């Protein structure tokens, strides 16, 4: 059975440390300790994993993040990706066919993902 691990992005980013850094791969953009721990877990136990960003949506490790931003789900920020756009992206990237999803983020991601996943999909929150 195909599984997908979804991990949160995190506030601290590479541009906070090296402000002159240009666009980077999503895998290299996020530096917060919780994100780093989630990424290590995802790499160890899953063949496929993505980062969920309030601004950019579902990012594969090789997707490019153009620069720094500070956008968080649940804050009402105008740049938060809308649920219909997240759904479209989720489907376009082929994630709607995956039966088992594992989300390593906290409560604020529950409503976001409930609006995105299909009824046939099972999501767990370890």
C-alpha atoms as a PDB file:
ATOM      1  CA  UNK A   1       0.000   0.000   0.000  1.00  0.00           C
ATOM      2  CA  UNK A   2       1.261   3.443  -0.923  1.00  0.00           C
ATOM      3  CA  UNK A   3       1.781   5.829   2.006  1.00  0.00           C
ATOM      4  CA  UNK A   4       2.548   9.537   2.208  1.00  0.00           C
ATOM      5  CA  UNK A   5       4.043  11.397   5.157  1.00  0.00           C
ATOM      6  CA  UNK A   6       3.075  15.068   5.467  1.00  0.00           C
ATOM      7  CA  UNK A   7       5.303  17.258   7.639  1.00  0.00           C
ATOM      8  CA  UNK A   8       4.911  20.902   8.720  1.00  0.00           C
ATOM      9  CA  UNK A   9       7.220  23.564   7.314  1.00  0.00           C
ATOM     10  CA  UNK A  10       8.296  25.603  10.356  1.00  0.00           C
ATOM     11  CA  UNK A  11       8.930  29.265  11.092  1.00  0.00           C
ATOM     12  CA  UNK A  12      12.743  29.337  10.956  1.00  0.00           C
ATOM     13  CA  UNK A  13      14.030  29.244   7.403  1.00  0.00           C
ATOM     14  CA  UNK A  14      17.422  29.358   5.718  1.00  0.00           C
ATOM     15  CA  UNK A  15      16.953  33.057   4.869  1.00  0.00           C
ATOM     16  CA  UNK A  16      16.745  33.855   8.587  1.00  0.00           C
ATOM     17  CA  UNK A  17      20.347  32.617   8.892  1.00  0.00           C
ATOM     18  CA  UNK A  18      21.726  33.491   5.428  1.00  0.00           C
ATOM     19  CA  UNK A  19      19.674  36.433   4.143  1.00  0.00           C
ATOM     20  CA  UNK A  20      21.462  36.523   0.772  1.00  0.00           C
ATOM     21  CA  UNK A  21      20.434  32.946  -0.086  1.00  0.00           C
ATOM     22  CA  UNK A  22      18.387  32.707  -3.275  1.00  0.00           C
ATOM     23  CA  UNK A  23      15.679  30.157  -4.070  1.00  0.00           C
ATOM     24  CA  UNK A  24      16.302  26.713  -2.504  1.00  0.00           C
ATOM     25  CA  UNK A  25      14.847  23.203  -2.569  1.00  0.00           C
ATOM     26  CA  UNK A  26      12.038  22.785  -0.015  1.00  0.00           C
ATOM     27  CA  UNK A  27      14.105  20.066   1.674  1.00  0.00           C
ATOM     28  CA  UNK A  28      16.775  22.709   2.466  1.00  0.00           C
ATOM     29  CA  UNK A  29      14.546  25.700   3.292  1.00  0.00           C
ATOM     30  CA  UNK A  30      13.191  24.895   6.765  1.00  0.00           C
ATOM     31  CA  UNK A  31      15.459  24.893   9.824  1.00  0.00           C
ATOM     32  CA  UNK A  32      13.268  24.700  12.945  1.00  0.00           C
ATOM     33  CA  UNK A  33      14.144  21.770  15.252  1.00  0.00           C
ATOM     34  CA  UNK A  34      10.638  20.259  15.033  1.00  0.00           C
ATOM     35  CA  UNK A  35      10.667  20.397  11.229  1.00  0.00           C
ATOM     36  CA  UNK A  36      14.149  18.830  11.141  1.00  0.00           C
ATOM     37  CA  UNK A  37      13.005  15.980  13.424  1.00  0.00           C
ATOM     38  CA  UNK A  38       9.911  15.391  11.265  1.00  0.00           C
ATOM     39  CA  UNK A  39      12.010  15.389   8.089  1.00  0.00           C
ATOM     40  CA  UNK A  40      14.425  12.822   9.548  1.00  0.00           C
ATOM     41  CA  UNK A  41      11.488  10.621  10.570  1.00  0.00           C
ATOM     42  CA  UNK A  42       9.847  10.943   7.140  1.00  0.00           C
ATOM     43  CA  UNK A  43      13.089  10.048   5.330  1.00  0.00           C
ATOM     44  CA  UNK A  44      13.637   7.030   7.591  1.00  0.00           C
ATOM     45  CA  UNK A  45      10.161   5.489   7.383  1.00  0.00           C
ATOM     46  CA  UNK A  46       8.519   6.688   4.144  1.00  0.00           C
ATOM     47  CA  UNK A  47       9.313   6.406   0.449  1.00  0.00           C
ATOM     48  CA  UNK A  48       7.302   9.545  -0.239  1.00  0.00           C
ATOM     49  CA  UNK A  49       6.938  12.649   1.915  1.00  0.00           C
ATOM     50  CA  UNK A  50       5.932  16.274   1.475  1.00  0.00           C
ATOM     51  CA  UNK A  51       6.120  19.519   3.406  1.00  0.00           C
ATOM     52  CA  UNK A  52       2.858  21.386   4.004  1.00  0.00           C
ATOM     53  CA  UNK A  53       3.319  25.153   3.790  1.00  0.00           C
ATOM     54  CA  UNK A  54       0.529  27.662   4.422  1.00  0.00           C
ATOM     55  CA  UNK A  55       1.878  29.822   1.576  1.00  0.00           C
ATOM     56  CA  UNK A  56       3.064  27.235  -0.963  1.00  0.00           C
ATOM     57  CA  UNK A  57       0.866  24.229  -0.164  1.00  0.00           C
ATOM     58  CA  UNK A  58       2.246  20.720  -0.639  1.00  0.00           C
ATOM     59  CA  UNK A  59       5.968  20.825  -1.415  1.00  0.00           C
ATOM     60  CA  UNK A  60       7.945  17.818  -2.577  1.00  0.00           C
ATOM     61  CA  UNK A  61      11.536  17.835  -1.257  1.00  0.00           C
ATOM     62  CA  UNK A  62      12.853  19.024  -4.651  1.00  0.00           C
ATOM     63  CA  UNK A  63      10.238  21.756  -5.179  1.00  0.00           C
ATOM     64  CA  UNK A  64      11.756  25.239  -5.112  1.00  0.00           C
ATOM     65  CA  UNK A  65      10.877  27.769  -2.406  1.00  0.00           C
ATOM     66  CA  UNK A  66      11.650  31.199  -3.915  1.00  0.00           C
ATOM     67  CA  UNK A  67      12.376  33.123  -0.717  1.00  0.00           C
ATOM     68  CA  UNK A  68      11.550  33.893   2.887  1.00  0.00           C
ATOM     69  CA  UNK A  69       7.975  34.289   4.132  1.00  0.00           C
ATOM     70  CA  UNK A  70       6.035  34.230   7.390  1.00  0.00           C
ATOM     71  CA  UNK A  71       2.593  32.725   6.744  1.00  0.00           C
ATOM     72  CA  UNK A  72       0.894  30.315   9.175  1.00  0.00           C
ATOM     73  CA  UNK A  73      -2.370  28.365   8.962  1.00  0.00           C
ATOM     74  CA  UNK A  74      -5.064  29.643  11.300  1.00  0.00           C
ATOM     75  CA  UNK A  75      -3.827  33.243  11.425  1.00  0.00           C
ATOM     76  CA  UNK A  76      -6.074  34.772   8.766  1.00  0.00           C
ATOM     77  CA  UNK A  77      -2.996  35.895   6.807  1.00  0.00           C
ATOM     78  CA  UNK A  78      -4.014  36.945   3.258  1.00  0.00           C
ATOM     79  CA  UNK A  79      -1.326  34.738   1.653  1.00  0.00           C
ATOM     80  CA  UNK A  80      -2.607  31.462   3.177  1.00  0.00           C
ATOM     81  CA  UNK A  81      -3.378  29.073   0.331  1.00  0.00           C
ATOM     82  CA  UNK A  82      -7.150  28.594   0.009  1.00  0.00           C
ATOM     83  CA  UNK A  83      -8.666  25.126   0.585  1.00  0.00           C
ATOM     84  CA  UNK A  84      -9.787  24.772  -3.048  1.00  0.00           C
ATOM     85  CA  UNK A  85      -6.264  25.568  -4.280  1.00  0.00           C
ATOM     86  CA  UNK A  86      -4.786  23.075  -1.782  1.00  0.00           C
ATOM     87  CA  UNK A  87      -7.271  20.430  -3.023  1.00  0.00           C
ATOM     88  CA  UNK A  88      -6.347  21.114  -6.659  1.00  0.00           C
ATOM     89  CA  UNK A  89      -2.629  20.881  -5.872  1.00  0.00           C
ATOM     90  CA  UNK A  90      -3.101  17.700  -3.808  1.00  0.00           C
ATOM     91  CA  UNK A  91      -4.914  16.092  -6.745  1.00  0.00           C
ATOM     92  CA  UNK A  92      -2.472  17.412  -9.402  1.00  0.00           C
ATOM     93  CA  UNK A  93       0.532  16.016  -7.538  1.00  0.00           C
ATOM     94  CA  UNK A  94      -1.136  12.578  -7.396  1.00  0.00           C
ATOM     95  CA  UNK A  95      -1.683  12.484  -3.634  1.00  0.00           C
ATOM     96  CA  UNK A  96      -5.441  11.881  -3.891  1.00  0.00           C
ATOM     97  CA  UNK A  97      -4.717   8.271  -4.972  1.00  0.00           C
ATOM     98  CA  UNK A  98      -2.708   7.484  -1.827  1.00  0.00           C
ATOM     99  CA  UNK A  99      -4.764   5.555   0.739  1.00  0.00           C
ATOM    100  CA  UNK A 100      -2.675   6.085   3.869  1.00  0.00           C
ATOM    101  CA  UNK A 101      -1.565   9.550   4.966  1.00  0.00           C
ATOM    102  CA  UNK A 102       0.450  10.346   8.088  1.00  0.00           C
ATOM    103  CA  UNK A 103       0.561  13.965   9.329  1.00  0.00           C
ATOM    104  CA  UNK A 104       3.291  14.888  11.792  1.00  0.00           C
ATOM    105  CA  UNK A 105       1.921  18.380  12.547  1.00  0.00           C
ATOM    106  CA  UNK A 106      -0.315  19.652  15.309  1.00  0.00           C
ATOM    107  CA  UNK A 107      -3.986  20.532  15.658  1.00  0.00           C
ATOM    108  CA  UNK A 108      -3.974  23.484  13.268  1.00  0.00           C
ATOM    109  CA  UNK A 109      -3.400  21.074  10.363  1.00  0.00           C
ATOM    110  CA  UNK A 110      -6.492  18.939  11.078  1.00  0.00           C
ATOM    111  CA  UNK A 111      -9.076  21.266   9.543  1.00  0.00           C
ATOM    112  CA  UNK A 112      -6.724  22.080   6.656  1.00  0.00           C
ATOM    113  CA  UNK A 113      -6.279  18.418   5.709  1.00  0.00           C
ATOM    114  CA  UNK A 114      -9.905  17.435   6.360  1.00  0.00           C
ATOM    115  CA  UNK A 115     -10.872  19.947   3.657  1.00  0.00           C
ATOM    116  CA  UNK A 116      -8.372  18.383   1.227  1.00  0.00           C
ATOM    117  CA  UNK A 117      -8.362  14.590   1.568  1.00  0.00           C
ATOM    118  CA  UNK A 118     -10.835  12.243  -0.086  1.00  0.00           C
ATOM    119  CA  UNK A 119     -13.288  10.024   1.773  1.00  0.00           C
ATOM    120  CA  UNK A 120     -11.364   6.885   0.716  1.00  0.00           C
ATOM    121  CA  UNK A 121      -8.175   8.196   2.355  1.00  0.00           C
ATOM    122  CA  UNK A 122      -7.130   7.341   5.892  1.00  0.00           C
ATOM    123  CA  UNK A 123      -5.081   9.872   7.849  1.00  0.00           C
ATOM    124  CA  UNK A 124      -3.262   9.262  11.119  1.00  0.00           C
ATOM    125  CA  UNK A 125      -1.752  11.774  13.542  1.00  0.00           C
ATOM    126  CA  UNK A 126       0.992  10.053  15.565  1.00  0.00           C
END
